[in-house]
Amino acid sequence: MEVTFKEIDTIFNRTKNALMEFMEIITPVIENAKDDHERLYWHHIYEEEEHRSDRLDILLPKIQAFLKDEHSIASNQLEFIHLLQDISLEKFGLHNFLEHLDLSLFQFKGTELEGKIQTLRDFTYDDYQQMKTILEKLNQEFQGGIQLDTSIPTDEKEGKSSNVKIEAYSHDHSHERNQSKQTLRKTLTVGSLKQR
């Protein structure tokens, strides 16, 4: 489990630095917004990332403490559960950060900032995929104890209409769902329904 928490620590430290860099990029955009809509749009994104930065400031020392003395925190079950829940919440924050970076790529396309934001986006995407794998491992390790899937993004929730999902952020089963829908369409024809 130590390796898993080292990976989490690395990802969250990297994303903390990335979101600080991103906030520096969008600060002048907020300051020089041409209208209230633009100012509010970027302010909203900035504020979400600032709140996430505050949460990471609290979480990162907890992860470091766990890495220094795994048995101490693991022996306090309530504290360990809170740590796992906070990690799950930050996986969701990583998903939102990825969306914020993608939104900013639309705004900064063709500018000198596009390359920098694209770099942040690329490693954030990889980090997000890695966090999904890590949380899946933790879910399997602690089955029956706690549920770590408390922060599933809309794009990955079962039972949500595909109209509100963005395919780029959906989990890997989206292709399988599309195939099963096509299979269902092929089997449910007017002729097949008349025969039933």
Protein backbone atom coordinates (compact mmCIF):
# COMPACT_ATOMS: atom_id res chain seq x y z
CA MET A 1 0.00 0.00 0.00
CA GLU A 2 2.99 2.32 0.53
CA VAL A 3 3.70 2.36 -3.21
CA THR A 4 0.09 3.37 -3.89
CA PHE A 5 0.30 6.28 -1.47
CA LYS A 6 3.63 7.38 -2.94
CA GLU A 7 1.96 7.48 -6.37
CA ILE A 8 -0.95 9.48 -4.93
CA ASP A 9 1.48 11.90 -3.26
CA THR A 10 3.37 12.39 -6.53
CA ILE A 11 0.17 12.99 -8.51
CA PHE A 12 -1.29 15.45 -6.01
CA ASN A 13 1.98 17.40 -5.68
CA ARG A 14 2.24 17.60 -9.47
CA THR A 15 -1.37 18.72 -9.81
CA LYS A 16 -0.96 21.28 -6.99
CA ASN A 17 1.90 22.89 -8.94
CA ALA A 18 -0.07 22.66 -12.19
CA LEU A 19 -3.17 24.29 -10.80
CA MET A 20 -1.08 27.12 -9.30
CA GLU A 21 0.48 27.66 -12.73
CA PHE A 22 -2.96 27.56 -14.35
CA MET A 23 -4.33 30.10 -11.85
CA GLU A 24 -1.42 32.42 -12.74
CA ILE A 25 -2.34 32.05 -16.43
CA ILE A 26 -5.99 32.97 -15.96
CA THR A 27 -5.50 35.79 -13.42
CA PRO A 28 -4.73 38.40 -16.13
CA VAL A 29 -7.71 37.13 -18.12
CA ILE A 30 -9.98 37.88 -15.14
CA GLU A 31 -8.32 41.24 -14.55
CA ASN A 32 -8.64 42.27 -18.21
CA ALA A 33 -12.02 40.69 -18.99
CA LYS A 34 -13.94 42.54 -21.68
CA ASP A 35 -17.31 42.01 -19.95
CA ASP A 36 -18.94 40.61 -16.82
CA HIS A 37 -19.69 37.27 -18.49
CA GLU A 38 -16.03 36.63 -19.28
CA ARG A 39 -14.96 37.82 -15.82
CA LEU A 40 -17.49 35.56 -14.07
CA TYR A 41 -16.64 32.55 -16.27
CA TRP A 42 -12.92 32.68 -15.48
CA HIS A 43 -13.50 33.74 -11.86
CA HIS A 44 -15.64 30.64 -11.33
CA ILE A 45 -12.90 28.37 -12.68
CA TYR A 46 -10.24 30.21 -10.66
CA GLU A 47 -12.30 29.90 -7.48
CA GLU A 48 -12.85 26.16 -7.92
CA GLU A 49 -9.12 25.61 -8.40
CA GLU A 50 -8.32 27.84 -5.42
CA HIS A 51 -10.62 25.77 -3.21
CA ARG A 52 -8.97 22.63 -4.52
CA SER A 53 -5.56 24.09 -3.74
CA ASP A 54 -6.73 24.74 -0.17
CA ARG A 55 -7.94 21.13 0.13
CA LEU A 56 -4.62 19.84 -1.19
CA ASP A 57 -2.79 21.99 1.38
CA ILE A 58 -4.63 20.02 4.06
CA LEU A 59 -4.46 16.61 2.37
CA LEU A 60 -0.81 16.50 1.28
CA PRO A 61 0.60 16.62 4.85
CA LYS A 62 -1.80 13.81 5.82
CA ILE A 63 -0.48 11.66 2.97
CA GLN A 64 3.10 12.51 3.99
CA ALA A 65 2.30 11.54 7.60
CA PHE A 66 0.87 8.24 6.38
CA LEU A 67 4.01 7.56 4.34
CA LYS A 68 6.21 8.26 7.37
CA ASP A 69 4.21 6.06 9.73
CA GLU A 70 1.69 3.89 7.90
CA HIS A 71 0.72 1.92 11.01
CA SER A 72 -0.09 4.99 13.09
CA ILE A 73 -2.76 6.34 10.73
CA ALA A 74 -3.96 2.92 9.58
CA SER A 75 -4.55 1.94 13.22
CA ASN A 76 -6.96 4.87 13.63
CA GLN A 77 -9.73 3.57 11.39
CA LEU A 78 -11.80 6.78 11.35
CA GLU A 79 -8.78 8.91 10.41
CA PHE A 80 -7.81 6.41 7.71
CA ILE A 81 -11.35 6.42 6.28
CA HIS A 82 -11.30 10.22 6.15
CA LEU A 83 -7.95 10.09 4.35
CA LEU A 84 -9.36 7.68 1.75
CA GLN A 85 -12.48 9.81 1.28
CA ASP A 86 -10.35 12.93 0.79
CA ILE A 87 -8.30 11.10 -1.83
CA SER A 88 -11.49 10.07 -3.60
CA LEU A 89 -12.71 13.67 -3.57
CA GLU A 90 -9.44 14.83 -5.10
CA LYS A 91 -9.83 12.31 -7.91
CA PHE A 92 -13.04 14.18 -8.72
CA GLY A 93 -11.13 17.48 -8.45
CA LEU A 94 -8.59 16.15 -10.92
CA HIS A 95 -11.43 15.39 -13.33
CA ASN A 96 -12.72 18.97 -12.98
CA PHE A 97 -9.23 20.38 -13.47
CA LEU A 98 -8.93 18.39 -16.69
CA GLU A 99 -12.21 19.93 -17.90
CA HIS A 100 -11.01 23.42 -16.93
CA LEU A 101 -7.83 22.90 -18.93
CA ASP A 102 -9.84 21.72 -21.94
CA LEU A 103 -12.11 24.76 -21.67
CA SER A 104 -9.09 27.04 -21.57
CA LEU A 105 -7.63 25.38 -24.66
CA PHE A 106 -10.66 26.69 -26.59
CA GLN A 107 -9.98 30.20 -25.28
CA PHE A 108 -6.22 30.17 -25.86
CA LYS A 109 -6.10 28.27 -29.16
CA GLY A 110 -3.48 29.79 -31.41
CA THR A 111 -1.92 31.91 -28.65
CA GLU A 112 1.46 31.64 -26.94
CA LEU A 113 -0.31 30.01 -23.94
CA GLU A 114 -1.74 27.07 -25.90
CA GLY A 115 1.43 24.94 -25.66
CA LYS A 116 1.82 25.48 -21.92
CA ILE A 117 -1.84 24.64 -21.24
CA GLN A 118 -1.67 21.62 -23.56
CA THR A 119 1.30 20.29 -21.57
CA LEU A 120 -0.63 20.74 -18.31
CA ARG A 121 -3.64 19.04 -19.89
CA ASP A 122 -1.65 16.07 -21.18
CA PHE A 123 -0.06 15.10 -17.88
CA THR A 124 -3.28 15.87 -15.98
CA TYR A 125 -5.11 13.43 -18.25
CA ASP A 126 -2.48 10.74 -17.53
CA ASP A 127 -2.65 11.50 -13.80
CA TYR A 128 -6.43 11.23 -13.84
CA GLN A 129 -6.31 7.84 -15.57
CA GLN A 130 -3.72 6.67 -13.03
CA MET A 131 -5.87 7.91 -10.11
CA LYS A 132 -8.86 5.97 -11.43
CA THR A 133 -6.71 2.81 -11.44
CA ILE A 134 -5.35 3.52 -7.95
CA LEU A 135 -8.83 4.08 -6.52
CA GLU A 136 -10.07 0.91 -8.15
CA LYS A 137 -7.24 -0.97 -6.40
CA LEU A 138 -8.09 0.66 -3.08
CA ASN A 139 -11.78 -0.17 -3.57
CA GLN A 140 -10.87 -3.82 -4.12
CA GLU A 141 -8.54 -3.85 -1.12
CA PHE A 142 -11.15 -2.40 1.23
CA GLN A 143 -14.30 -4.11 -0.06
CA GLY A 144 -17.12 -4.12 2.42
CA GLY A 145 -15.50 -1.52 4.61
CA ILE A 146 -16.03 1.78 2.85
CA GLN A 147 -17.12 2.95 -0.54
CA LEU A 148 -14.54 5.15 -2.26
CA ASP A 149 -16.63 5.88 -5.36
CA THR A 150 -18.37 8.79 -3.65
CA SER A 151 -17.15 11.33 -6.19
CA ILE A 152 -17.94 9.84 -9.57
CA PRO A 153 -18.10 12.49 -12.31
CA THR A 154 -21.34 12.78 -14.27
CA ASP A 155 -19.56 11.47 -17.36
CA GLU A 156 -18.78 8.19 -15.62
CA LYS A 157 -22.07 7.60 -13.78
CA GLU A 158 -24.32 4.79 -14.80
CA GLY A 159 -27.94 5.78 -15.31
CA LYS A 160 -27.18 9.33 -16.46
CA SER A 161 -28.43 10.35 -19.87
CA SER A 162 -25.76 10.42 -22.54
CA ASN A 163 -27.08 13.89 -23.43
CA VAL A 164 -25.36 15.33 -20.32
CA LYS A 165 -22.16 13.33 -20.68
CA ILE A 166 -19.03 14.35 -22.58
CA GLU A 167 -17.57 11.30 -24.30
CA ALA A 168 -13.96 12.46 -23.81
CA TYR A 169 -14.41 12.21 -20.03
CA SER A 170 -16.42 8.98 -19.92
CA HIS A 171 -14.82 5.84 -18.60
CA ASP A 172 -13.54 3.15 -20.89
CA HIS A 173 -16.85 1.30 -20.96
CA SER A 174 -18.50 3.91 -23.19
CA HIS A 175 -17.46 1.98 -26.31
CA GLU A 176 -18.98 -1.21 -24.87
CA ARG A 177 -22.25 0.63 -24.07
CA ASN A 178 -22.44 1.96 -27.63
CA GLN A 179 -21.90 -1.54 -29.00
CA SER A 180 -24.60 -3.01 -26.75
CA LYS A 181 -27.05 -0.25 -27.83
CA GLN A 182 -26.35 -1.09 -31.48
CA THR A 183 -26.89 -4.79 -30.77
CA LEU A 184 -30.17 -3.97 -29.00
CA ARG A 185 -31.31 -1.86 -31.97
CA LYS A 186 -30.54 -4.74 -34.34
CA THR A 187 -32.54 -7.23 -32.28
CA LEU A 188 -35.53 -4.97 -31.62
CA THR A 189 -37.01 -4.35 -35.04
CA VAL A 190 -40.66 -3.92 -36.00
CA GLY A 191 -40.62 -7.48 -37.34
CA SER A 192 -39.09 -8.93 -34.19
CA LEU A 193 -41.57 -7.08 -31.99
CA LYS A 194 -44.52 -8.44 -34.03
CA GLN A 195 -43.25 -11.97 -33.48
CA ARG A 196 -43.20 -11.53 -29.67
